[in-house]
């Protein structure tokens, strides 16, 4: 474990998704206790995307942005909102120079799969249709996210391909949960790692899916055909149950002819990027921004 990160582990609250409403309150309080992100030089605007139901979004617009990323928060499909995600969105907008659109998708278990995915697809479509209004090139739109948000980014890329939907230039997947089966080496062996444990994964998937069987749009590792998908950057954390499914997905994308950059961060754990004072977290965040900048400007 990276020593800077390890020092924080005793201070981290345990993730408990058995009572989603109670944990949402804890999660929001933790986010609110952090210093507000630097939004100088960004135009920040709350919008509503017309859909059924409408989807709230928050747009972070740097000066002279060429492209945009539809950015999806983590939280096991159960917690997270526009306010909690500002600590990711604002720095990514600064570092990438891209418009960052965060999505307040519907949460489980009140709204099970595919509600969140439907919301994300509606926002992707809206972003493409309103590119001129947003001041971006409609051919320079990426999708990205962390954990369950990265799952949704992966799923919306599959759905857009299958339904000949809006073109996606790039997908950025950070510590994605991609497989409901929990059979990879990391899923079987990292059962009590910080923040993300085997029990947390099982609870999140249970809330998201309910009694439904997992389809590739819910668990993209189940997709048989990965050809024709957008180029990808996939980042994994060393001590994370999700690690090996991210690596496996990257290899399968490569074998399907999709360009992939795979980054395995040693000494990190799931969500440790939230500890932004650590040197490794600063490097991770800078790389996310640089990767998006390259993908959307070159």
Protein backbone atom coordinates (compact mmCIF):
# COMPACT_ATOMS: atom_id res chain seq x y z
CA UNK A 1 0.00 0.00 0.00
CA UNK A 2 1.20 3.50 -0.76
CA UNK A 3 2.26 4.90 2.64
CA UNK A 4 0.46 8.23 2.15
CA UNK A 5 -2.78 6.38 1.45
CA UNK A 6 -2.27 3.78 4.15
CA UNK A 7 -2.12 6.52 6.79
CA UNK A 8 -5.70 7.49 5.95
CA UNK A 9 -7.21 4.00 6.14
CA UNK A 10 -8.04 4.10 9.89
CA UNK A 11 -9.95 7.35 9.28
CA UNK A 12 -12.13 6.04 6.47
CA UNK A 13 -15.77 5.24 7.25
CA UNK A 14 -16.98 1.78 6.42
CA UNK A 15 -19.19 1.56 3.36
CA UNK A 16 -22.56 0.13 4.38
CA UNK A 17 -25.20 -0.14 1.66
CA UNK A 18 -27.69 -2.13 3.73
CA UNK A 19 -29.57 1.14 4.40
CA UNK A 20 -29.18 3.23 1.24
CA UNK A 21 -31.00 6.28 2.60
CA UNK A 22 -28.82 6.44 5.71
CA UNK A 23 -25.62 5.94 3.73
CA UNK A 24 -26.58 8.66 1.25
CA UNK A 25 -26.70 11.10 4.16
CA UNK A 26 -23.28 10.00 5.40
CA UNK A 27 -21.83 10.18 1.90
CA UNK A 28 -23.21 13.67 1.33
CA UNK A 29 -21.91 14.89 4.69
CA UNK A 30 -18.43 13.56 3.95
CA UNK A 31 -18.41 15.30 0.57
CA UNK A 32 -19.69 18.56 2.06
CA UNK A 33 -16.95 18.52 4.70
CA UNK A 34 -14.26 18.68 2.02
CA UNK A 35 -12.97 22.07 0.85
CA UNK A 36 -14.94 23.41 -2.09
CA UNK A 37 -13.21 22.73 -5.42
CA UNK A 38 -11.60 25.53 -7.38
CA UNK A 39 -14.04 26.66 -10.05
CA UNK A 40 -12.20 29.85 -11.03
CA UNK A 41 -12.19 30.12 -14.81
CA UNK A 42 -15.09 27.69 -15.14
CA UNK A 43 -18.66 28.54 -16.01
CA UNK A 44 -20.78 26.24 -13.85
CA UNK A 45 -24.45 25.85 -14.73
CA UNK A 46 -27.24 23.52 -13.65
CA UNK A 47 -29.46 22.35 -16.51
CA UNK A 48 -32.31 19.92 -16.98
CA UNK A 49 -32.23 17.42 -19.83
CA UNK A 50 -35.73 16.69 -21.18
CA UNK A 51 -36.43 12.96 -20.86
CA UNK A 52 -38.90 10.64 -19.18
CA UNK A 53 -38.32 11.66 -16.43
CA UNK A 54 -36.15 14.75 -16.89
CA UNK A 55 -32.50 14.41 -15.85
CA UNK A 56 -30.65 17.12 -13.87
CA UNK A 57 -27.10 17.81 -15.02
CA UNK A 58 -24.35 20.23 -14.02
CA UNK A 59 -22.17 21.69 -16.76
CA UNK A 60 -18.57 22.79 -16.05
CA UNK A 61 -17.40 24.85 -19.01
CA UNK A 62 -13.76 25.96 -19.31
CA UNK A 63 -12.81 28.73 -21.72
CA UNK A 64 -12.30 27.68 -25.34
CA UNK A 65 -13.36 24.07 -24.75
CA UNK A 66 -13.44 21.96 -27.91
CA UNK A 67 -14.97 18.78 -26.57
CA UNK A 68 -17.03 17.43 -23.70
CA UNK A 69 -17.18 14.44 -21.42
CA UNK A 70 -20.41 13.07 -19.97
CA UNK A 71 -19.05 12.22 -16.53
CA UNK A 72 -20.80 9.70 -14.26
CA UNK A 73 -20.37 9.50 -10.52
CA UNK A 74 -19.59 6.39 -8.54
CA UNK A 75 -21.39 5.14 -5.44
CA UNK A 76 -22.54 1.66 -6.34
CA UNK A 77 -25.55 3.03 -8.28
CA UNK A 78 -26.94 3.80 -4.80
CA UNK A 79 -25.37 7.09 -3.63
CA UNK A 80 -24.00 10.25 -5.19
CA UNK A 81 -25.38 13.37 -6.86
CA UNK A 82 -24.33 16.59 -8.56
CA UNK A 83 -22.99 18.10 -5.32
CA UNK A 84 -20.93 15.11 -4.22
CA UNK A 85 -19.34 14.85 -7.68
CA UNK A 86 -18.02 18.41 -7.85
CA UNK A 87 -14.70 17.29 -6.34
CA UNK A 88 -14.09 15.15 -9.45
CA UNK A 89 -15.75 17.33 -12.07
CA UNK A 90 -14.09 20.70 -11.43
CA UNK A 91 -10.48 19.42 -11.47
CA UNK A 92 -11.15 17.28 -14.54
CA UNK A 93 -12.57 20.31 -16.36
CA UNK A 94 -9.49 22.37 -15.45
CA UNK A 95 -6.99 19.65 -16.37
CA UNK A 96 -8.66 18.45 -19.57
CA UNK A 97 -9.93 21.75 -20.94
CA UNK A 98 -13.15 19.89 -21.76
CA UNK A 99 -16.72 20.68 -20.84
CA UNK A 100 -17.63 18.26 -18.04
CA UNK A 101 -21.30 17.31 -17.76
CA UNK A 102 -22.15 15.49 -14.55
CA UNK A 103 -25.39 13.52 -14.42
CA UNK A 104 -27.81 13.14 -11.52
CA UNK A 105 -29.02 9.76 -12.72
CA UNK A 106 -31.71 7.88 -10.81
CA UNK A 107 -30.44 5.74 -7.96
CA UNK A 108 -31.15 2.18 -6.88
CA UNK A 109 -32.89 0.43 -5.24
CA UNK A 110 -35.78 2.86 -5.80
CA UNK A 111 -34.91 2.89 -9.51
CA UNK A 112 -33.32 -0.33 -10.69
CA UNK A 113 -31.55 -1.11 -13.95
CA UNK A 114 -31.98 0.22 -16.61
CA UNK A 115 -33.19 3.53 -15.12
CA UNK A 116 -29.70 4.98 -14.59
CA UNK A 117 -28.55 3.84 -18.03
CA UNK A 118 -31.64 5.36 -19.65
CA UNK A 119 -30.84 8.67 -17.95
CA UNK A 120 -27.23 8.58 -19.13
CA UNK A 121 -28.24 7.75 -22.69
CA UNK A 122 -30.68 10.67 -22.67
CA UNK A 123 -27.90 13.02 -21.55
CA UNK A 124 -25.48 11.68 -24.17
CA UNK A 125 -28.11 12.26 -26.87
CA UNK A 126 -28.87 15.76 -25.53
CA UNK A 127 -25.17 16.65 -25.44
CA UNK A 128 -24.76 15.66 -29.07
CA UNK A 129 -27.92 17.48 -30.17
CA UNK A 130 -26.99 20.64 -28.21
CA UNK A 131 -23.30 20.70 -29.11
CA UNK A 132 -23.51 24.11 -30.76
CA UNK A 133 -25.25 25.57 -27.71
CA UNK A 134 -22.59 24.02 -25.45
CA UNK A 135 -19.86 25.42 -27.69
CA UNK A 136 -18.34 22.04 -28.54
CA UNK A 137 -17.68 19.88 -31.57
CA UNK A 138 -20.36 17.15 -31.73
CA UNK A 139 -17.66 14.70 -32.86
CA UNK A 140 -15.61 15.35 -29.71
CA UNK A 141 -17.82 13.88 -27.00
CA UNK A 142 -16.47 11.32 -24.53
CA UNK A 143 -18.07 9.30 -21.75
CA UNK A 144 -16.35 8.55 -18.48
CA UNK A 145 -16.79 7.82 -14.84
CA UNK A 146 -15.59 6.15 -11.68
CA UNK A 147 -16.66 2.74 -10.33
CA UNK A 148 -20.41 2.34 -10.96
CA UNK A 149 -20.15 5.49 -13.08
CA UNK A 150 -17.52 3.78 -15.20
CA UNK A 151 -19.90 0.83 -15.52
CA UNK A 152 -22.53 3.21 -16.90
CA UNK A 153 -20.01 4.82 -19.27
CA UNK A 154 -19.08 1.37 -20.59
CA UNK A 155 -22.72 0.38 -20.93
CA UNK A 156 -23.74 3.55 -22.73
CA UNK A 157 -20.89 3.04 -25.21
CA UNK A 158 -22.22 -0.47 -25.92
CA UNK A 159 -25.77 0.80 -26.27
CA UNK A 160 -24.81 3.68 -28.55
CA UNK A 161 -22.93 1.24 -30.78
CA UNK A 162 -25.79 -1.25 -30.87
CA UNK A 163 -28.51 1.33 -31.48
CA UNK A 164 -26.46 3.46 -33.90
CA UNK A 165 -26.79 6.29 -31.42
CA UNK A 166 -24.70 9.41 -30.90
CA UNK A 167 -21.02 8.97 -31.82
CA UNK A 168 -18.68 8.63 -28.83
CA UNK A 169 -15.09 9.67 -29.38
CA UNK A 170 -13.58 8.11 -26.25
CA UNK A 171 -14.42 6.22 -23.07
CA UNK A 172 -12.57 6.83 -19.81
CA UNK A 173 -13.14 4.07 -17.26
CA UNK A 174 -11.73 4.52 -13.76
CA UNK A 175 -11.89 1.48 -11.45
CA UNK A 176 -14.99 0.22 -13.22
CA UNK A 177 -17.25 -2.50 -11.89
CA UNK A 178 -17.96 -4.54 -15.01
CA UNK A 179 -18.83 -8.07 -13.92
CA UNK A 180 -21.57 -9.25 -11.58
CA UNK A 181 -20.14 -12.76 -11.20
CA UNK A 182 -17.30 -11.90 -8.77
CA UNK A 183 -15.12 -14.73 -10.10
CA UNK A 184 -11.88 -12.90 -10.98
CA UNK A 185 -8.81 -13.39 -8.77
CA UNK A 186 -9.09 -9.89 -7.32
CA UNK A 187 -12.82 -10.26 -6.62
CA UNK A 188 -12.22 -13.56 -4.81
CA UNK A 189 -9.17 -12.41 -2.84
CA UNK A 190 -9.73 -8.72 -2.05
CA UNK A 191 -12.77 -9.31 0.12
CA UNK A 192 -12.11 -6.69 2.81
CA UNK A 193 -10.17 -3.92 1.08
CA UNK A 194 -10.80 -0.25 1.94
CA UNK A 195 -14.16 1.17 0.82
CA UNK A 196 -14.86 -1.58 -1.72
CA UNK A 197 -15.36 -5.09 -0.33
CA UNK A 198 -16.98 -8.24 -1.65
CA UNK A 199 -20.04 -7.50 0.50
CA UNK A 200 -20.27 -3.92 -0.79
CA UNK A 201 -20.13 -5.13 -4.39
CA UNK A 202 -22.79 -7.75 -3.74
CA UNK A 203 -25.07 -5.23 -2.03
CA UNK A 204 -24.63 -2.67 -4.82
CA UNK A 205 -25.39 -5.20 -7.53
CA UNK A 206 -28.37 -6.45 -5.55
CA UNK A 207 -29.81 -2.96 -5.28
CA UNK A 208 -29.13 -2.22 -8.95
CA UNK A 209 -30.41 -5.45 -10.48
CA UNK A 210 -32.93 -6.72 -7.97
CA UNK A 211 -34.09 -10.12 -9.22
CA UNK A 212 -33.21 -9.39 -12.86
CA UNK A 213 -30.49 -11.42 -14.58
CA UNK A 214 -27.49 -9.33 -15.59
CA UNK A 215 -27.35 -8.33 -19.24
CA UNK A 216 -24.28 -6.86 -20.97
CA UNK A 217 -25.74 -3.38 -20.45
CA UNK A 218 -25.75 -4.03 -16.69
CA UNK A 219 -22.49 -6.03 -16.56
CA UNK A 220 -20.46 -5.18 -19.68
CA UNK A 221 -18.02 -8.04 -19.06
CA UNK A 222 -20.85 -10.28 -20.29
CA UNK A 223 -20.83 -8.69 -23.76
CA UNK A 224 -19.74 -11.18 -26.42
CA UNK A 225 -18.72 -8.63 -29.06
CA UNK A 226 -16.59 -5.60 -28.16
CA UNK A 227 -15.73 -4.57 -31.71
CA UNK A 228 -16.59 -1.12 -32.97
CA UNK A 229 -16.41 0.53 -29.55
CA UNK A 230 -14.66 3.86 -28.89
CA UNK A 231 -10.97 3.95 -27.89
CA UNK A 232 -10.59 3.58 -24.14
CA UNK A 233 -8.45 4.54 -21.18
CA UNK A 234 -8.89 2.03 -18.36
CA UNK A 235 -7.40 2.67 -14.92
CA UNK A 236 -7.32 0.08 -12.15
CA UNK A 237 -6.28 0.19 -8.49
CA UNK A 238 -3.96 -2.51 -7.15
CA UNK A 239 -5.96 -3.37 -4.03
CA UNK A 240 -9.45 -3.33 -5.53
CA UNK A 241 -11.86 -6.21 -6.13
CA UNK A 242 -12.67 -4.55 -9.48
CA UNK A 243 -9.05 -4.65 -10.64
CA UNK A 244 -8.95 -7.82 -12.73
CA UNK A 245 -12.25 -7.28 -14.52
CA UNK A 246 -10.91 -3.91 -15.69
CA UNK A 247 -7.71 -5.53 -16.94
CA UNK A 248 -9.64 -8.38 -18.57
CA UNK A 249 -11.96 -5.91 -20.31
CA UNK A 250 -8.99 -3.93 -21.61
CA UNK A 251 -7.46 -7.08 -23.08
CA UNK A 252 -10.74 -8.08 -24.71
CA UNK A 253 -11.11 -4.62 -26.23
CA UNK A 254 -7.61 -4.90 -27.66
CA UNK A 255 -8.40 -8.33 -29.07
CA UNK A 256 -11.52 -6.81 -30.70
CA UNK A 257 -9.41 -4.18 -32.43
CA UNK A 258 -10.18 -1.29 -30.08
CA UNK A 259 -7.32 1.02 -29.09
CA UNK A 260 -6.76 0.91 -25.31
CA UNK A 261 -4.49 2.59 -22.79
CA UNK A 262 -4.38 0.50 -19.60
CA UNK A 263 -3.05 2.03 -16.39
CA UNK A 264 -2.63 -0.08 -13.26
CA UNK A 265 -1.83 2.16 -10.28
CA UNK A 266 0.37 0.38 -7.71
CA UNK A 267 -0.26 0.89 -4.03
CA UNK A 268 -3.77 2.28 -4.50
CA UNK A 269 -7.20 1.07 -3.44
CA UNK A 270 -10.71 1.65 -4.75
CA UNK A 271 -11.58 5.33 -4.49
CA UNK A 272 -8.25 6.32 -2.97
CA UNK A 273 -8.10 9.13 -5.52
CA UNK A 274 -10.48 10.98 -3.16
CA UNK A 275 -7.44 11.45 -0.90
CA UNK A 276 -6.20 14.18 -3.19
CA UNK A 277 -3.31 15.29 -0.95
CA UNK A 278 -1.42 12.05 -1.71
CA UNK A 279 1.20 12.28 -4.45
CA UNK A 280 -0.15 9.22 -6.26
CA UNK A 281 -3.65 10.74 -6.28
CA UNK A 282 -2.30 13.95 -7.77
CA UNK A 283 -0.62 11.92 -10.51
CA UNK A 284 -3.79 9.93 -11.15
CA UNK A 285 -5.91 13.05 -11.45
CA UNK A 286 -3.39 14.78 -13.71
CA UNK A 287 -3.34 11.74 -15.98
CA UNK A 288 -7.13 11.61 -16.24
CA UNK A 289 -7.11 15.22 -17.37
CA UNK A 290 -4.24 14.75 -19.79
CA UNK A 291 -5.79 11.65 -21.34
CA UNK A 292 -9.08 13.45 -21.96
CA UNK A 293 -7.29 16.50 -23.35
CA UNK A 294 -5.43 14.34 -25.87
CA UNK A 295 -8.53 12.35 -26.80
CA UNK A 296 -10.71 15.40 -27.39
CA UNK A 297 -8.26 17.81 -29.03
CA UNK A 298 -6.00 15.73 -31.26
